[in-house]
């Protein structure tokens, strides 16, 4: 099966929108994006997005969301909030949406999906990474025809769920819209097509009885925002020392090569707990999320996983190397989202700021004096619509 078995992007974009019928629920079309002040390209992108979504809504049958092969940060900060907005505003898609992603993150999509397909049940993460390089699939997953890895995954999803066919809502629908916002420096307008809500607390699963009573969850990995320089390694070791003088550390390093990020190899002094032996590819992100959700706070590399803790009601303290080491608009969006009263604090700090690490930890804790968000524990079965 090739990508031609699914709805083509250009075909959907060119198709007229479905006519509204009496009794339709009002949908929150991104009207602020319309108007000369934002430019014709933003208006065109908004109209195109609405036409695509209306066409998906008008077609019967299940709709596959994915396959999601990008990093965790984009999934929790962009993709899932966008799909929550779609679910809220296109009622004809409710009960039809199926998440195709990896790492056991079924509960992250609660309650908008009717089913879930685990990519790593088909292809191990190291092989996914190698094939992404082979097929030229970037994090933003710009859709091209005949991308073998994506076609393999979607064929597997149909087979796993015993479906003859399904519509394919590819991440590039969202990324094309985002690119227009980036180009126009209006990233905050993404808030018009997204719904940000806390995530349910995952079950402990294999972590049951394995975590200390009090701890800080830690994961530092090398990235463009935080490269593996001697200075950064010294900061990581100093931070580990500062934390263990105060409480326990749970290292989230999964021991799995799922992308081009390599975890810092850290010393294991007293009060440092590893959980990589409790992870497997198909549950590694869910296990990390479960550990984060019970932690006093998260400390680690900026980007990716650092966006997840506030969604779980946990403060996040993360580090980057210089303001030009990453695209600022992602941080601006995160700061905008997590400024609300329902979120735990999010602190992104330049690694070269030169202050006291112990003082920074105390500052984060002191800022979190409001009650924790009441989040129900969601099991794997409960994360699927019934």
Protein backbone atom coordinates (compact mmCIF):
# COMPACT_ATOMS: atom_id res chain seq x y z
CA UNK A 1 0.00 0.00 0.00
CA UNK A 2 1.29 3.48 -0.83
CA UNK A 3 0.29 6.96 0.21
CA UNK A 4 -2.07 7.02 -2.78
CA UNK A 5 -4.37 4.72 -0.78
CA UNK A 6 -5.13 7.66 1.50
CA UNK A 7 -6.57 11.11 0.92
CA UNK A 8 -4.05 13.31 -0.93
CA UNK A 9 -3.29 16.69 0.56
CA UNK A 10 -3.68 18.65 -2.66
CA UNK A 11 -6.98 16.93 -3.45
CA UNK A 12 -8.38 17.82 -0.04
CA UNK A 13 -7.12 21.39 -0.19
CA UNK A 14 -8.72 21.99 -3.58
CA UNK A 15 -12.05 20.40 -2.67
CA UNK A 16 -14.92 22.70 -1.65
CA UNK A 17 -15.87 22.74 2.02
CA UNK A 18 -18.89 20.73 3.10
CA UNK A 19 -22.08 22.73 3.44
CA UNK A 20 -23.16 23.43 6.99
CA UNK A 21 -26.47 21.88 7.95
CA UNK A 22 -29.05 23.18 10.43
CA UNK A 23 -28.21 22.13 13.97
CA UNK A 24 -24.46 21.95 13.38
CA UNK A 25 -22.48 22.89 16.47
CA UNK A 26 -20.68 26.22 16.12
CA UNK A 27 -17.00 25.77 15.39
CA UNK A 28 -14.27 28.12 16.45
CA UNK A 29 -12.92 29.00 13.01
CA UNK A 30 -9.70 31.00 13.33
CA UNK A 31 -11.41 34.25 12.40
CA UNK A 32 -8.65 36.45 13.88
CA UNK A 33 -6.40 35.08 11.15
CA UNK A 34 -8.60 36.67 8.51
CA UNK A 35 -7.92 40.24 7.53
CA UNK A 36 -5.46 42.40 5.69
CA UNK A 37 -3.43 43.18 8.83
CA UNK A 38 -2.10 39.61 8.85
CA UNK A 39 -1.55 39.28 5.11
CA UNK A 40 -3.14 37.28 2.35
CA UNK A 41 -0.93 34.23 2.94
CA UNK A 42 -2.25 33.78 6.49
CA UNK A 43 -5.83 34.17 5.31
CA UNK A 44 -5.23 31.67 2.52
CA UNK A 45 -3.61 29.20 4.93
CA UNK A 46 -6.52 29.51 7.34
CA UNK A 47 -9.07 28.96 4.58
CA UNK A 48 -7.12 26.00 3.25
CA UNK A 49 -6.97 24.39 6.68
CA UNK A 50 -10.70 24.76 7.19
CA UNK A 51 -11.43 23.24 3.76
CA UNK A 52 -9.23 20.25 4.52
CA UNK A 53 -10.82 19.62 7.92
CA UNK A 54 -14.34 20.02 6.54
CA UNK A 55 -13.54 17.49 3.83
CA UNK A 56 -12.25 14.98 6.39
CA UNK A 57 -15.39 15.55 8.44
CA UNK A 58 -17.65 14.88 5.44
CA UNK A 59 -16.01 11.56 4.58
CA UNK A 60 -17.12 8.47 6.50
CA UNK A 61 -14.93 6.01 8.34
CA UNK A 62 -11.95 6.13 10.69
CA UNK A 63 -9.30 8.84 10.51
CA UNK A 64 -5.68 7.98 11.29
CA UNK A 65 -3.78 10.78 13.06
CA UNK A 66 -0.15 10.42 12.08
CA UNK A 67 2.09 8.63 11.90
CA UNK A 68 3.75 10.85 14.48
CA UNK A 69 7.52 10.40 14.10
CA UNK A 70 8.63 13.79 15.40
CA UNK A 71 9.98 14.69 18.80
CA UNK A 72 8.03 14.76 22.06
CA UNK A 73 8.11 18.55 22.31
CA UNK A 74 6.26 19.11 19.06
CA UNK A 75 3.78 16.39 19.94
CA UNK A 76 2.71 17.86 23.29
CA UNK A 77 3.10 21.56 22.44
CA UNK A 78 1.62 21.55 18.94
CA UNK A 79 0.17 18.30 17.57
CA UNK A 80 -2.00 17.13 20.48
CA UNK A 81 -3.42 20.63 21.28
CA UNK A 82 -4.17 21.05 17.57
CA UNK A 83 -5.97 17.70 17.43
CA UNK A 84 -7.92 18.64 20.58
CA UNK A 85 -9.09 21.78 18.75
CA UNK A 86 -10.07 19.67 15.73
CA UNK A 87 -12.00 17.28 17.98
CA UNK A 88 -13.82 20.17 19.70
CA UNK A 89 -14.77 22.02 16.54
CA UNK A 90 -15.46 19.31 13.97
CA UNK A 91 -18.04 17.08 15.68
CA UNK A 92 -18.32 14.81 12.67
CA UNK A 93 -14.83 13.49 13.47
CA UNK A 94 -15.62 12.50 17.04
CA UNK A 95 -15.42 8.78 17.71
CA UNK A 96 -13.42 8.28 14.49
CA UNK A 97 -9.92 9.54 15.35
CA UNK A 98 -7.11 6.99 15.84
CA UNK A 99 -3.66 8.01 17.10
CA UNK A 100 -0.68 6.43 15.35
CA UNK A 101 2.38 7.28 17.42
CA UNK A 102 5.05 5.70 19.65
CA UNK A 103 6.27 5.14 23.18
CA UNK A 104 2.98 4.08 24.80
CA UNK A 105 1.48 7.59 24.95
CA UNK A 106 -2.15 6.52 24.52
CA UNK A 107 -3.25 8.49 27.59
CA UNK A 108 -1.87 11.76 26.16
CA UNK A 109 -4.64 11.66 23.53
CA UNK A 110 -7.42 11.05 26.06
CA UNK A 111 -10.33 11.60 25.45
CA UNK A 112 -10.23 12.48 21.74
CA UNK A 113 -9.28 9.12 20.20
CA UNK A 114 -11.27 5.98 19.59
CA UNK A 115 -8.19 3.75 19.25
CA UNK A 116 -4.39 3.76 19.32
CA UNK A 117 -1.66 2.10 17.26
CA UNK A 118 1.85 1.74 18.69
CA UNK A 119 4.47 2.28 15.98
CA UNK A 120 7.18 0.44 17.91
CA UNK A 121 5.06 -2.72 17.83
CA UNK A 122 5.86 -2.74 14.11
CA UNK A 123 9.32 -1.22 13.83
CA UNK A 124 11.89 -0.83 16.65
CA UNK A 125 13.05 2.74 17.38
CA UNK A 126 16.58 2.30 16.03
CA UNK A 127 15.15 1.07 12.73
CA UNK A 128 12.62 3.91 12.64
CA UNK A 129 15.48 6.37 13.12
CA UNK A 130 17.55 4.76 10.35
CA UNK A 131 14.60 4.70 7.93
CA UNK A 132 13.73 8.31 8.71
CA UNK A 133 17.24 9.25 7.60
CA UNK A 134 16.96 6.99 4.55
CA UNK A 135 13.61 8.47 3.53
CA UNK A 136 14.60 12.05 4.36
CA UNK A 137 11.81 12.52 6.93
CA UNK A 138 12.52 15.64 9.04
CA UNK A 139 10.97 16.34 12.44
CA UNK A 140 8.35 18.47 10.73
CA UNK A 141 7.35 15.51 8.50
CA UNK A 142 6.68 17.40 5.30
CA UNK A 143 4.51 14.96 3.38
CA UNK A 144 5.83 13.59 0.13
CA UNK A 145 4.45 10.88 -2.07
CA UNK A 146 5.77 7.37 -1.58
CA UNK A 147 7.59 7.69 1.72
CA UNK A 148 8.24 3.99 2.41
CA UNK A 149 8.45 4.14 6.22
CA UNK A 150 5.22 6.08 6.62
CA UNK A 151 3.40 3.82 4.16
CA UNK A 152 4.66 0.73 6.02
CA UNK A 153 3.43 2.11 9.34
CA UNK A 154 -0.01 3.07 8.04
CA UNK A 155 -0.42 -0.33 6.36
CA UNK A 156 0.47 -1.94 9.69
CA UNK A 157 -2.09 0.28 11.46
CA UNK A 158 -4.86 -0.83 9.09
CA UNK A 159 -3.88 -4.46 9.57
CA UNK A 160 -3.61 -4.15 13.36
CA UNK A 161 -7.14 -2.70 13.59
CA UNK A 162 -8.58 -4.95 10.85
CA UNK A 163 -9.62 -1.97 8.75
CA UNK A 164 -10.07 -2.06 4.99
CA UNK A 165 -9.26 1.62 4.57
CA UNK A 166 -9.03 4.84 6.53
CA UNK A 167 -8.46 8.51 5.93
CA UNK A 168 -4.93 9.69 6.71
CA UNK A 169 -4.55 12.97 8.61
CA UNK A 170 -0.84 13.54 8.24
CA UNK A 171 1.15 15.91 10.54
CA UNK A 172 2.11 17.97 7.49
CA UNK A 173 -1.41 19.46 7.45
CA UNK A 174 -0.53 21.19 10.71
CA UNK A 175 3.09 21.91 9.82
CA UNK A 176 2.16 23.68 6.57
CA UNK A 177 -0.09 25.95 8.60
CA UNK A 178 2.66 26.50 11.18
CA UNK A 179 5.17 27.44 8.49
CA UNK A 180 2.91 30.29 7.42
CA UNK A 181 2.79 31.51 11.01
CA UNK A 182 6.57 31.24 11.37
CA UNK A 183 7.09 33.18 8.15
CA UNK A 184 4.78 35.94 9.37
CA UNK A 185 6.06 35.92 12.98
CA UNK A 186 2.58 35.30 14.31
CA UNK A 187 3.20 32.04 16.17
CA UNK A 188 0.84 33.04 18.97
CA UNK A 189 -2.01 32.90 16.48
CA UNK A 190 -1.57 29.15 16.75
CA UNK A 191 -3.51 29.52 19.99
CA UNK A 192 -6.58 30.10 17.78
CA UNK A 193 -6.39 26.53 16.48
CA UNK A 194 -5.29 24.70 19.63
CA UNK A 195 -6.74 23.58 22.95
CA UNK A 196 -4.26 23.30 25.81
CA UNK A 197 -5.33 21.09 28.70
CA UNK A 198 -3.43 19.22 31.44
CA UNK A 199 -2.72 15.58 30.65
CA UNK A 200 -4.04 12.79 32.86
CA UNK A 201 -1.56 11.20 35.23
CA UNK A 202 -0.38 7.86 33.78
CA UNK A 203 -0.54 4.69 35.80
CA UNK A 204 2.74 3.71 37.42
CA UNK A 205 2.83 0.36 35.65
CA UNK A 206 6.35 -1.12 35.95
CA UNK A 207 7.33 1.76 38.27
CA UNK A 208 4.97 0.54 41.00
CA UNK A 209 6.97 0.27 44.21
CA UNK A 210 10.22 1.27 42.45
CA UNK A 211 10.31 5.06 43.00
CA UNK A 212 11.62 6.89 46.08
CA UNK A 213 9.10 8.84 48.13
CA UNK A 214 10.64 12.18 47.17
CA UNK A 215 12.72 12.93 44.08
CA UNK A 216 13.45 15.20 41.13
CA UNK A 217 13.19 13.68 37.65
CA UNK A 218 16.27 14.41 35.52
CA UNK A 219 17.09 13.95 31.85
CA UNK A 220 19.93 15.77 30.11
CA UNK A 221 20.69 14.95 26.50
CA UNK A 222 22.84 16.55 23.83
CA UNK A 223 21.02 18.67 21.26
CA UNK A 224 21.53 21.74 19.12
CA UNK A 225 20.10 23.80 21.98
CA UNK A 226 22.33 22.11 24.57
CA UNK A 227 25.41 20.54 22.92
CA UNK A 228 27.73 18.16 24.71
CA UNK A 229 30.45 20.68 25.49
CA UNK A 230 32.76 20.36 28.52
CA UNK A 231 31.03 23.39 30.03
CA UNK A 232 27.59 21.85 29.69
CA UNK A 233 28.76 18.53 31.04
CA UNK A 234 30.23 20.34 34.07
CA UNK A 235 26.91 22.11 34.59
CA UNK A 236 24.99 18.81 34.42
CA UNK A 237 27.28 17.15 36.98
CA UNK A 238 27.06 20.20 39.26
CA UNK A 239 23.28 20.17 38.99
CA UNK A 240 23.19 16.47 39.85
CA UNK A 241 25.33 17.19 42.91
CA UNK A 242 23.09 20.11 43.96
CA UNK A 243 19.97 17.96 43.69
CA UNK A 244 21.36 14.96 45.57
CA UNK A 245 22.32 17.23 48.45
CA UNK A 246 18.62 18.03 48.73
CA UNK A 247 16.70 14.92 47.63
CA UNK A 248 16.78 11.86 45.35
CA UNK A 249 17.21 11.83 41.58
CA UNK A 250 15.33 9.60 39.16
CA UNK A 251 17.19 9.45 35.83
CA UNK A 252 14.79 9.23 32.88
CA UNK A 253 17.43 8.13 30.32
CA UNK A 254 15.66 5.33 28.39
CA UNK A 255 18.70 3.63 26.85
CA UNK A 256 16.93 3.75 23.47
CA UNK A 257 18.29 5.52 20.36
CA UNK A 258 15.06 6.95 18.91
CA UNK A 259 16.56 10.11 17.37
CA UNK A 260 19.80 12.07 17.03
CA UNK A 261 19.80 13.11 20.71
CA UNK A 262 22.33 11.32 22.92
CA UNK A 263 21.80 11.24 26.68
CA UNK A 264 24.59 12.56 28.86
CA UNK A 265 26.38 9.72 30.61
CA UNK A 266 26.23 10.71 34.26
CA UNK A 267 27.87 9.44 37.44
CA UNK A 268 25.60 7.45 39.74
CA UNK A 269 26.25 8.64 43.26
CA UNK A 270 24.11 7.72 46.21
CA UNK A 271 20.46 8.86 45.88
CA UNK A 272 20.43 8.43 42.06
CA UNK A 273 17.87 5.91 40.76
CA UNK A 274 17.82 4.54 37.20
CA UNK A 275 14.64 3.24 35.57
CA UNK A 276 15.87 2.36 32.06
CA UNK A 277 15.65 -1.36 32.88
CA UNK A 278 11.89 -0.88 33.37
CA UNK A 279 11.39 0.61 29.91
CA UNK A 280 10.90 -0.99 26.53
CA UNK A 281 10.36 0.86 23.25
CA UNK A 282 6.59 0.54 23.31
CA UNK A 283 6.24 2.09 26.78
CA UNK A 284 9.34 4.25 27.25
CA UNK A 285 7.64 7.67 26.96
CA UNK A 286 4.73 6.59 29.13
CA UNK A 287 7.13 5.33 31.83
CA UNK A 288 9.05 8.62 31.72
CA UNK A 289 5.75 10.54 31.96
CA UNK A 290 4.64 8.43 34.94
CA UNK A 291 7.92 9.16 36.73
CA UNK A 292 7.70 12.89 35.95
CA UNK A 293 4.11 13.08 37.16
CA UNK A 294 5.14 11.93 40.70
CA UNK A 295 8.28 14.09 40.86
CA UNK A 296 8.91 17.25 42.85
CA UNK A 297 10.09 18.84 39.57
CA UNK A 298 11.80 18.04 36.28
CA UNK A 299 15.34 19.23 35.45
CA UNK A 300 16.97 18.68 32.06
CA UNK A 301 17.69 19.84 28.52
CA UNK A 302 15.47 22.55 27.04
CA UNK A 303 13.12 21.37 24.29
CA UNK A 304 11.50 18.00 23.72
CA UNK A 305 10.72 16.37 27.05
CA UNK A 306 11.00 19.63 29.03
CA UNK A 307 7.59 20.78 27.73
CA UNK A 308 5.85 17.72 29.17
CA UNK A 309 6.07 18.31 32.98
CA UNK A 310 3.72 21.36 33.14
CA UNK A 311 1.09 19.28 31.34
CA UNK A 312 1.39 16.82 34.25
CA UNK A 313 1.26 19.49 36.97
CA UNK A 314 5.04 19.39 37.60
CA UNK A 315 7.49 22.34 37.41
CA UNK A 316 10.10 22.19 34.63
CA UNK A 317 13.60 23.69 34.86
CA UNK A 318 15.55 23.31 31.63
CA UNK A 319 18.78 24.63 30.16
CA UNK A 320 19.95 25.81 26.75
CA UNK A 321 23.28 27.19 25.48
CA UNK A 322 22.81 30.74 24.28
CA UNK A 323 19.76 32.48 22.78
CA UNK A 324 20.76 31.64 19.21
CA UNK A 325 20.96 27.88 19.69
CA UNK A 326 17.28 27.27 18.93
CA UNK A 327 14.21 28.92 17.40
CA UNK A 328 12.83 31.36 19.95
CA UNK A 329 9.21 31.18 18.87
CA UNK A 330 8.81 27.71 20.39
CA UNK A 331 9.95 29.04 23.76
CA UNK A 332 7.71 32.09 23.36
CA UNK A 333 4.70 29.86 22.73
CA UNK A 334 5.55 27.63 25.72
CA UNK A 335 5.92 30.67 27.99
CA UNK A 336 2.60 32.01 26.74
CA UNK A 337 0.78 28.72 27.33
CA UNK A 338 2.28 27.95 30.74
CA UNK A 339 1.69 31.46 32.10
CA UNK A 340 -1.89 30.46 32.94
CA UNK A 341 -2.88 29.70 36.55
CA UNK A 342 -3.70 26.04 35.83
CA UNK A 343 -0.09 25.23 34.87
CA UNK A 344 3.00 24.35 36.86
CA UNK A 345 5.87 26.80 36.18
CA UNK A 346 8.21 26.45 33.22
CA UNK A 347 11.74 27.91 33.50
CA UNK A 348 14.12 27.85 30.52
CA UNK A 349 17.57 29.13 31.56
CA UNK A 350 20.71 30.02 29.59
CA UNK A 351 23.42 27.61 30.78
CA UNK A 352 25.91 30.46 30.82
CA UNK A 353 24.01 32.63 33.27
CA UNK A 354 26.52 31.85 36.05
CA UNK A 355 24.20 31.78 39.05
CA UNK A 356 23.79 29.33 41.90
CA UNK A 357 22.24 26.01 40.86
CA UNK A 358 20.97 25.38 44.39
CA UNK A 359 19.48 28.88 44.36
CA UNK A 360 17.78 28.19 41.03
CA UNK A 361 16.24 24.97 42.38
CA UNK A 362 14.95 26.89 45.42
CA UNK A 363 13.51 29.59 43.16
CA UNK A 364 11.57 27.05 41.10
CA UNK A 365 10.15 25.39 44.21
CA UNK A 366 9.25 28.73 45.78
CA UNK A 367 7.35 29.73 42.64
CA UNK A 368 5.15 26.66 42.87
CA UNK A 369 3.07 27.49 45.92
CA UNK A 370 -0.32 27.05 44.32
CA UNK A 371 -2.27 23.78 44.72
CA UNK A 372 -1.37 21.00 42.33
CA UNK A 373 -3.74 20.39 39.42
CA UNK A 374 -6.24 17.65 40.24
CA UNK A 375 -5.49 15.07 37.56
CA UNK A 376 -7.18 11.68 37.45
CA UNK A 377 -5.06 8.60 36.94
CA UNK A 378 -5.86 7.16 33.52
CA UNK A 379 -5.23 3.51 32.68
CA UNK A 380 -4.44 2.34 29.14
CA UNK A 381 -7.98 1.02 28.69
CA UNK A 382 -9.61 4.21 29.98
CA UNK A 383 -7.60 6.31 27.53
CA UNK A 384 -9.78 5.05 24.67
CA UNK A 385 -13.24 6.39 24.00
CA UNK A 386 -15.99 3.89 24.70
